[in-house]
Amino acid sequence: MNRAQKIAWLILITISIAVILSGIAIAILYLKYGFPKALAGLGFLGITGFGGLGPLIFKKDKGAVDFDERDTQIHRKAAIAGFGASYLVMGIACMLPFFILGYKKSIAVTWLPMIFMAAGLSSFLVHSVMILIQYGRSKQDG
């Protein structure tokens, strides 16, 4: 397993743990206190920040070749997939209220950071999953 795969696993695990803990916290807080206070459960999404420590935790190998053309293509495709997922989440989050509420209504500005956060998390999640899928696929091919 190379460095990129280790970092992708770390990001995937931290995002998964954060989303699960956040969902549980929101559900418990909603049942106990109601919806506005239940949003405090989103604080668990801060755990995803530990995924950013991946490049510091997993040092570069001392080998002769660190990154080749295949790695470049894998990271390029993963970045494009991450962008596509982010764009899709942003589009859905913007258009869903329009179709549900209608064009004469508006949403609270407090939803905007959550939409931005969802788009960012989806980008990193899909990027990491695509890295793992592509390295796994190339291992089976060769």
N, C-alpha and C. Protein backbone atom coordinates (compact mmCIF):
# COMPACT_ATOMS: atom_id res chain seq x y z
N MET A 1 0.85 -1.18 0.00
CA MET A 1 0.00 0.00 0.00
C MET A 1 0.90 1.24 0.00
N ASN A 2 0.66 2.12 -0.97
CA ASN A 2 1.50 3.31 -1.05
C ASN A 2 0.96 4.44 -0.18
N ARG A 3 1.67 5.54 -0.19
CA ARG A 3 1.34 6.67 0.69
C ARG A 3 -0.04 7.25 0.37
N ALA A 4 -0.36 7.39 -0.92
CA ALA A 4 -1.65 7.96 -1.32
C ALA A 4 -2.81 7.10 -0.82
N GLN A 5 -2.64 5.80 -0.87
CA GLN A 5 -3.69 4.91 -0.38
C GLN A 5 -3.86 5.04 1.14
N LYS A 6 -2.77 5.15 1.86
CA LYS A 6 -2.85 5.31 3.31
C LYS A 6 -3.56 6.61 3.68
N ILE A 7 -3.23 7.68 2.98
CA ILE A 7 -3.88 8.96 3.24
C ILE A 7 -5.37 8.87 2.89
N ALA A 8 -5.69 8.21 1.77
CA ALA A 8 -7.10 8.06 1.37
C ALA A 8 -7.87 7.26 2.41
N TRP A 9 -7.26 6.20 2.94
CA TRP A 9 -7.93 5.41 4.00
C TRP A 9 -8.16 6.27 5.24
N LEU A 10 -7.17 7.07 5.61
CA LEU A 10 -7.32 7.93 6.79
C LEU A 10 -8.47 8.92 6.60
N ILE A 11 -8.54 9.54 5.43
CA ILE A 11 -9.61 10.49 5.15
C ILE A 11 -10.96 9.79 5.14
N LEU A 12 -11.03 8.63 4.51
CA LEU A 12 -12.28 7.87 4.45
C LEU A 12 -12.75 7.48 5.85
N ILE A 13 -11.85 7.03 6.68
CA ILE A 13 -12.21 6.61 8.04
C ILE A 13 -12.63 7.80 8.88
N THR A 14 -11.90 8.90 8.82
CA THR A 14 -12.26 10.06 9.64
C THR A 14 -13.60 10.66 9.22
N ILE A 15 -13.85 10.74 7.92
CA ILE A 15 -15.14 11.27 7.46
C ILE A 15 -16.27 10.33 7.88
N SER A 16 -16.07 9.03 7.74
CA SER A 16 -17.11 8.07 8.12
C SER A 16 -17.43 8.15 9.61
N ILE A 17 -16.40 8.16 10.43
CA ILE A 17 -16.61 8.25 11.89
C ILE A 17 -17.32 9.56 12.24
N ALA A 18 -16.89 10.66 11.65
CA ALA A 18 -17.48 11.96 11.95
C ALA A 18 -18.96 12.02 11.55
N VAL A 19 -19.29 11.50 10.37
CA VAL A 19 -20.68 11.53 9.90
C VAL A 19 -21.56 10.63 10.77
N ILE A 20 -21.06 9.46 11.13
CA ILE A 20 -21.84 8.55 11.97
C ILE A 20 -22.08 9.16 13.35
N LEU A 21 -21.02 9.67 13.98
CA LEU A 21 -21.18 10.29 15.30
C LEU A 21 -22.08 11.53 15.24
N SER A 22 -21.96 12.30 14.18
CA SER A 22 -22.81 13.47 14.03
C SER A 22 -24.27 13.07 13.88
N GLY A 23 -24.52 12.06 13.07
CA GLY A 23 -25.89 11.58 12.88
C GLY A 23 -26.51 11.08 14.18
N ILE A 24 -25.72 10.32 14.95
CA ILE A 24 -26.21 9.82 16.24
C ILE A 24 -26.48 10.98 17.19
N ALA A 25 -25.56 11.93 17.26
CA ALA A 25 -25.73 13.07 18.16
C ALA A 25 -26.94 13.91 17.77
N ILE A 26 -27.13 14.14 16.48
CA ILE A 26 -28.27 14.93 16.03
C ILE A 26 -29.57 14.20 16.37
N ALA A 27 -29.61 12.89 16.16
CA ALA A 27 -30.83 12.13 16.48
C ALA A 27 -31.15 12.18 17.97
N ILE A 28 -30.14 12.00 18.81
CA ILE A 28 -30.37 12.03 20.26
C ILE A 28 -30.78 13.43 20.71
N LEU A 29 -30.07 14.44 20.23
CA LEU A 29 -30.41 15.81 20.62
C LEU A 29 -31.78 16.24 20.09
N TYR A 30 -32.15 15.75 18.93
CA TYR A 30 -33.47 16.07 18.38
C TYR A 30 -34.58 15.48 19.26
N LEU A 31 -34.40 14.24 19.67
CA LEU A 31 -35.41 13.60 20.52
C LEU A 31 -35.51 14.28 21.88
N LYS A 32 -34.41 14.78 22.38
CA LYS A 32 -34.40 15.36 23.72
C LYS A 32 -34.75 16.85 23.74
N TYR A 33 -34.21 17.63 22.78
CA TYR A 33 -34.35 19.08 22.83
C TYR A 33 -35.05 19.71 21.63
N GLY A 34 -35.23 18.99 20.55
CA GLY A 34 -35.83 19.59 19.35
C GLY A 34 -34.76 19.94 18.33
N PHE A 35 -35.26 20.41 17.18
CA PHE A 35 -34.34 20.56 16.05
C PHE A 35 -33.32 21.68 16.15
N PRO A 36 -33.64 22.89 16.55
CA PRO A 36 -32.56 23.89 16.49
C PRO A 36 -31.36 23.52 17.35
N LYS A 37 -31.59 22.96 18.52
CA LYS A 37 -30.47 22.58 19.39
C LYS A 37 -29.79 21.30 18.91
N ALA A 38 -30.49 20.51 18.11
CA ALA A 38 -29.91 19.26 17.61
C ALA A 38 -28.76 19.52 16.64
N LEU A 39 -28.73 20.69 16.04
CA LEU A 39 -27.64 21.01 15.11
C LEU A 39 -26.29 21.09 15.79
N ALA A 40 -26.28 21.12 17.12
CA ALA A 40 -25.00 21.09 17.85
C ALA A 40 -24.26 19.79 17.58
N GLY A 41 -24.97 18.75 17.18
CA GLY A 41 -24.34 17.48 16.84
C GLY A 41 -23.41 17.56 15.64
N LEU A 42 -23.54 18.64 14.86
CA LEU A 42 -22.63 18.81 13.72
C LEU A 42 -21.21 19.08 14.17
N GLY A 43 -21.02 19.38 15.45
CA GLY A 43 -19.68 19.61 15.97
C GLY A 43 -18.77 18.40 15.82
N PHE A 44 -19.37 17.21 15.78
CA PHE A 44 -18.56 16.01 15.59
C PHE A 44 -17.90 15.96 14.21
N LEU A 45 -18.37 16.77 13.27
CA LEU A 45 -17.75 16.79 11.95
C LEU A 45 -16.33 17.37 12.00
N GLY A 46 -15.98 17.98 13.11
CA GLY A 46 -14.62 18.47 13.29
C GLY A 46 -13.59 17.35 13.30
N ILE A 47 -14.05 16.14 13.57
CA ILE A 47 -13.14 14.98 13.55
C ILE A 47 -12.52 14.80 12.16
N THR A 48 -13.22 15.26 11.12
CA THR A 48 -12.68 15.10 9.77
C THR A 48 -11.36 15.84 9.59
N GLY A 49 -11.10 16.82 10.43
CA GLY A 49 -9.84 17.56 10.35
C GLY A 49 -8.62 16.68 10.55
N PHE A 50 -8.79 15.58 11.29
CA PHE A 50 -7.66 14.67 11.48
C PHE A 50 -7.23 14.01 10.18
N GLY A 51 -8.13 13.94 9.20
CA GLY A 51 -7.77 13.39 7.89
C GLY A 51 -6.72 14.25 7.19
N GLY A 52 -6.72 15.54 7.48
CA GLY A 52 -5.74 16.44 6.89
C GLY A 52 -4.33 16.24 7.41
N LEU A 53 -4.20 15.48 8.50
CA LEU A 53 -2.88 15.19 9.04
C LEU A 53 -2.19 14.03 8.31
N GLY A 54 -2.88 13.43 7.37
CA GLY A 54 -2.33 12.28 6.64
C GLY A 54 -0.95 12.50 6.05
N PRO A 55 -0.71 13.62 5.33
CA PRO A 55 0.62 13.84 4.78
C PRO A 55 1.71 13.97 5.84
N LEU A 56 1.34 14.39 7.04
CA LEU A 56 2.33 14.48 8.12
C LEU A 56 2.57 13.12 8.77
N ILE A 57 1.52 12.32 8.85
CA ILE A 57 1.63 11.01 9.50
C ILE A 57 2.36 10.02 8.60
N PHE A 58 1.97 9.99 7.32
CA PHE A 58 2.55 9.04 6.38
C PHE A 58 3.62 9.75 5.55
N LYS A 59 4.86 9.53 5.91
CA LYS A 59 5.99 10.18 5.25
C LYS A 59 6.24 9.55 3.88
N LYS A 60 6.93 10.29 3.03
CA LYS A 60 7.28 9.79 1.71
C LYS A 60 8.27 8.65 1.83
N ASP A 61 8.12 7.66 0.92
CA ASP A 61 9.04 6.52 0.91
C ASP A 61 10.40 6.97 0.41
N LYS A 62 11.43 6.25 0.82
CA LYS A 62 12.79 6.58 0.43
C LYS A 62 13.18 5.96 -0.91
N GLY A 63 12.20 5.33 -1.60
CA GLY A 63 12.47 4.68 -2.88
C GLY A 63 12.87 5.65 -3.97
N ALA A 64 13.31 5.10 -5.09
CA ALA A 64 13.79 5.91 -6.20
C ALA A 64 12.64 6.66 -6.89
N VAL A 65 11.53 5.97 -7.15
CA VAL A 65 10.39 6.58 -7.83
C VAL A 65 9.30 6.84 -6.81
N ASP A 66 8.93 8.11 -6.69
CA ASP A 66 7.91 8.48 -5.71
C ASP A 66 6.53 8.57 -6.35
N PHE A 67 6.48 9.04 -7.59
CA PHE A 67 5.22 9.32 -8.26
C PHE A 67 5.44 9.15 -9.75
N ASP A 68 4.67 8.29 -10.42
CA ASP A 68 4.85 8.09 -11.86
C ASP A 68 3.61 8.56 -12.62
N GLU A 69 3.58 8.27 -13.93
CA GLU A 69 2.47 8.73 -14.77
C GLU A 69 1.15 8.09 -14.36
N ARG A 70 1.19 6.83 -13.97
CA ARG A 70 -0.03 6.14 -13.54
C ARG A 70 -0.60 6.80 -12.29
N ASP A 71 0.26 7.16 -11.35
CA ASP A 71 -0.19 7.85 -10.14
C ASP A 71 -0.80 9.21 -10.47
N THR A 72 -0.18 9.90 -11.42
CA THR A 72 -0.71 11.20 -11.84
C THR A 72 -2.10 11.05 -12.43
N GLN A 73 -2.29 10.04 -13.27
CA GLN A 73 -3.61 9.81 -13.87
C GLN A 73 -4.65 9.42 -12.82
N ILE A 74 -4.25 8.60 -11.86
CA ILE A 74 -5.17 8.19 -10.80
C ILE A 74 -5.62 9.40 -9.99
N HIS A 75 -4.68 10.26 -9.62
CA HIS A 75 -5.02 11.45 -8.82
C HIS A 75 -5.84 12.45 -9.64
N ARG A 76 -5.56 12.55 -10.92
CA ARG A 76 -6.34 13.44 -11.78
C ARG A 76 -7.78 12.98 -11.89
N LYS A 77 -7.98 11.69 -12.13
CA LYS A 77 -9.34 11.15 -12.23
C LYS A 77 -10.08 11.27 -10.89
N ALA A 78 -9.37 11.04 -9.80
CA ALA A 78 -9.98 11.15 -8.47
C ALA A 78 -10.38 12.59 -8.18
N ALA A 79 -9.55 13.54 -8.59
CA ALA A 79 -9.87 14.96 -8.37
C ALA A 79 -11.09 15.38 -9.19
N ILE A 80 -11.17 14.89 -10.41
CA ILE A 80 -12.32 15.20 -11.26
C ILE A 80 -13.60 14.59 -10.66
N ALA A 81 -13.51 13.37 -10.18
CA ALA A 81 -14.67 12.72 -9.56
C ALA A 81 -15.09 13.47 -8.29
N GLY A 82 -14.12 13.90 -7.50
CA GLY A 82 -14.42 14.68 -6.30
C GLY A 82 -15.10 15.99 -6.63
N PHE A 83 -14.61 16.67 -7.67
CA PHE A 83 -15.25 17.90 -8.11
C PHE A 83 -16.67 17.65 -8.58
N GLY A 84 -16.86 16.57 -9.33
CA GLY A 84 -18.20 16.23 -9.82
C GLY A 84 -19.17 15.96 -8.68
N ALA A 85 -18.72 15.25 -7.66
CA ALA A 85 -19.57 14.97 -6.51
C ALA A 85 -19.91 16.25 -5.76
N SER A 86 -18.93 17.11 -5.60
CA SER A 86 -19.15 18.39 -4.93
C SER A 86 -20.14 19.24 -5.70
N TYR A 87 -19.99 19.30 -6.99
CA TYR A 87 -20.89 20.07 -7.84
C TYR A 87 -22.30 19.51 -7.78
N LEU A 88 -22.43 18.19 -7.75
CA LEU A 88 -23.73 17.53 -7.67
C LEU A 88 -24.41 17.85 -6.34
N VAL A 89 -23.67 17.75 -5.24
CA VAL A 89 -24.23 18.06 -3.92
C VAL A 89 -24.66 19.53 -3.87
N MET A 90 -23.84 20.42 -4.38
CA MET A 90 -24.17 21.84 -4.38
C MET A 90 -25.42 22.10 -5.24
N GLY A 91 -25.50 21.46 -6.37
CA GLY A 91 -26.67 21.63 -7.25
C GLY A 91 -27.94 21.12 -6.61
N ILE A 92 -27.87 19.95 -6.00
CA ILE A 92 -29.05 19.39 -5.33
C ILE A 92 -29.46 20.27 -4.15
N ALA A 93 -28.49 20.71 -3.37
CA ALA A 93 -28.79 21.55 -2.20
C ALA A 93 -29.37 22.89 -2.60
N CYS A 94 -29.03 23.39 -3.76
CA CYS A 94 -29.57 24.67 -4.21
C CYS A 94 -30.93 24.52 -4.89
N MET A 95 -31.12 23.44 -5.61
CA MET A 95 -32.35 23.29 -6.37
C MET A 95 -33.48 22.64 -5.58
N LEU A 96 -33.15 21.80 -4.60
CA LEU A 96 -34.18 21.12 -3.82
C LEU A 96 -35.11 22.10 -3.11
N PRO A 97 -34.58 23.11 -2.40
CA PRO A 97 -35.50 24.07 -1.77
C PRO A 97 -36.36 24.82 -2.80
N PHE A 98 -35.80 25.08 -3.97
CA PHE A 98 -36.55 25.76 -5.02
C PHE A 98 -37.77 24.94 -5.43
N PHE A 99 -37.57 23.64 -5.62
CA PHE A 99 -38.67 22.80 -6.06
C PHE A 99 -39.65 22.47 -4.93
N ILE A 100 -39.15 22.39 -3.71
CA ILE A 100 -40.02 22.07 -2.57
C ILE A 100 -40.79 23.31 -2.10
N LEU A 101 -40.09 24.42 -1.91
CA LEU A 101 -40.70 25.62 -1.36
C LEU A 101 -41.35 26.51 -2.42
N GLY A 102 -40.84 26.47 -3.61
CA GLY A 102 -41.35 27.34 -4.67
C GLY A 102 -40.45 28.55 -4.84
N TYR A 103 -40.70 29.30 -5.89
CA TYR A 103 -39.80 30.41 -6.21
C TYR A 103 -40.06 31.66 -5.40
N LYS A 104 -41.17 31.74 -4.67
CA LYS A 104 -41.46 32.93 -3.87
C LYS A 104 -40.96 32.83 -2.43
N LYS A 105 -40.46 31.68 -2.04
CA LYS A 105 -39.98 31.48 -0.67
C LYS A 105 -38.47 31.66 -0.63
N SER A 106 -37.94 31.68 0.58
CA SER A 106 -36.49 31.77 0.76
C SER A 106 -36.07 30.83 1.90
N ILE A 107 -34.79 30.55 1.96
CA ILE A 107 -34.26 29.72 3.04
C ILE A 107 -33.39 30.59 3.93
N ALA A 108 -33.19 30.14 5.15
CA ALA A 108 -32.36 30.89 6.10
C ALA A 108 -30.90 30.81 5.68
N VAL A 109 -30.21 31.87 5.93
CA VAL A 109 -28.79 31.96 5.57
C VAL A 109 -27.95 30.98 6.40
N THR A 110 -28.47 30.50 7.50
CA THR A 110 -27.74 29.55 8.34
C THR A 110 -27.52 28.21 7.64
N TRP A 111 -28.27 27.94 6.59
CA TRP A 111 -28.09 26.69 5.85
C TRP A 111 -26.89 26.73 4.92
N LEU A 112 -26.43 27.91 4.55
CA LEU A 112 -25.34 28.03 3.57
C LEU A 112 -24.04 27.38 4.02
N PRO A 113 -23.58 27.58 5.27
CA PRO A 113 -22.35 26.88 5.68
C PRO A 113 -22.50 25.35 5.67
N MET A 114 -23.71 24.87 5.98
CA MET A 114 -23.92 23.42 5.97
C MET A 114 -23.89 22.88 4.55
N ILE A 115 -24.42 23.64 3.59
CA ILE A 115 -24.36 23.23 2.19
C ILE A 115 -22.91 23.22 1.72
N PHE A 116 -22.16 24.25 2.09
CA PHE A 116 -20.75 24.33 1.71
C PHE A 116 -19.96 23.16 2.33
N MET A 117 -20.25 22.85 3.60
CA MET A 117 -19.57 21.75 4.28
C MET A 117 -19.91 20.40 3.63
N ALA A 118 -21.17 20.21 3.27
CA ALA A 118 -21.57 18.96 2.63
C ALA A 118 -20.88 18.80 1.28
N ALA A 119 -20.75 19.89 0.54
CA ALA A 119 -20.05 19.82 -0.75
C ALA A 119 -18.58 19.48 -0.56
N GLY A 120 -17.95 20.09 0.42
CA GLY A 120 -16.54 19.80 0.69
C GLY A 120 -16.31 18.37 1.16
N LEU A 121 -17.16 17.91 2.07
CA LEU A 121 -17.02 16.52 2.55
C LEU A 121 -17.23 15.52 1.41
N SER A 122 -18.21 15.80 0.56
CA SER A 122 -18.45 14.88 -0.55
C SER A 122 -17.26 14.86 -1.50
N SER A 123 -16.64 16.00 -1.71
CA SER A 123 -15.47 16.06 -2.58
C SER A 123 -14.32 15.20 -2.04
N PHE A 124 -14.01 15.38 -0.76
CA PHE A 124 -12.91 14.61 -0.16
C PHE A 124 -13.24 13.12 -0.07
N LEU A 125 -14.49 12.80 0.23
CA LEU A 125 -14.90 11.41 0.35
C LEU A 125 -14.79 10.70 -1.00
N VAL A 126 -15.34 11.29 -2.03
CA VAL A 126 -15.30 10.68 -3.36
C VAL A 126 -13.86 10.62 -3.88
N HIS A 127 -13.07 11.65 -3.63
CA HIS A 127 -11.67 11.65 -4.04
C HIS A 127 -10.93 10.46 -3.43
N SER A 128 -11.13 10.24 -2.13
CA SER A 128 -10.45 9.14 -1.44
C SER A 128 -10.93 7.79 -1.94
N VAL A 129 -12.23 7.65 -2.12
CA VAL A 129 -12.78 6.38 -2.60
C VAL A 129 -12.27 6.08 -4.00
N MET A 130 -12.21 7.09 -4.86
CA MET A 130 -11.72 6.87 -6.22
C MET A 130 -10.24 6.48 -6.24
N ILE A 131 -9.46 7.05 -5.36
CA ILE A 131 -8.05 6.66 -5.27
C ILE A 131 -7.95 5.18 -4.90
N LEU A 132 -8.71 4.77 -3.90
CA LEU A 132 -8.67 3.37 -3.46
C LEU A 132 -9.18 2.42 -4.53
N ILE A 133 -10.24 2.79 -5.22
CA ILE A 133 -10.79 1.95 -6.29
C ILE A 133 -9.79 1.81 -7.43
N GLN A 134 -9.19 2.91 -7.85
CA GLN A 134 -8.29 2.86 -9.00
C GLN A 134 -7.00 2.10 -8.69
N TYR A 135 -6.46 2.28 -7.49
CA TYR A 135 -5.27 1.50 -7.15
C TYR A 135 -5.61 0.03 -7.01
N GLY A 136 -6.79 -0.28 -6.49
CA GLY A 136 -7.21 -1.68 -6.38
C GLY A 136 -7.43 -2.31 -7.73
N ARG A 137 -7.99 -1.54 -8.66
CA ARG A 137 -8.26 -2.03 -10.01
C ARG A 137 -6.94 -2.28 -10.74
N SER A 138 -5.98 -1.38 -10.61
CA SER A 138 -4.71 -1.54 -11.31
C SER A 138 -3.92 -2.71 -10.72
N LYS A 139 -4.12 -3.02 -9.45
CA LYS A 139 -3.45 -4.14 -8.85
C LYS A 139 -4.01 -5.47 -9.40
N GLN A 140 -5.32 -5.51 -9.65
CA GLN A 140 -5.95 -6.71 -10.19
C GLN A 140 -5.60 -6.91 -11.65
N ASP A 141 -5.44 -5.80 -12.39
CA ASP A 141 -5.11 -5.89 -13.82
C ASP A 141 -3.69 -6.40 -14.05
N GLY A 142 -2.78 -5.97 -13.20
CA GLY A 142 -1.38 -6.25 -13.47
C GLY A 142 -0.90 -7.46 -12.78
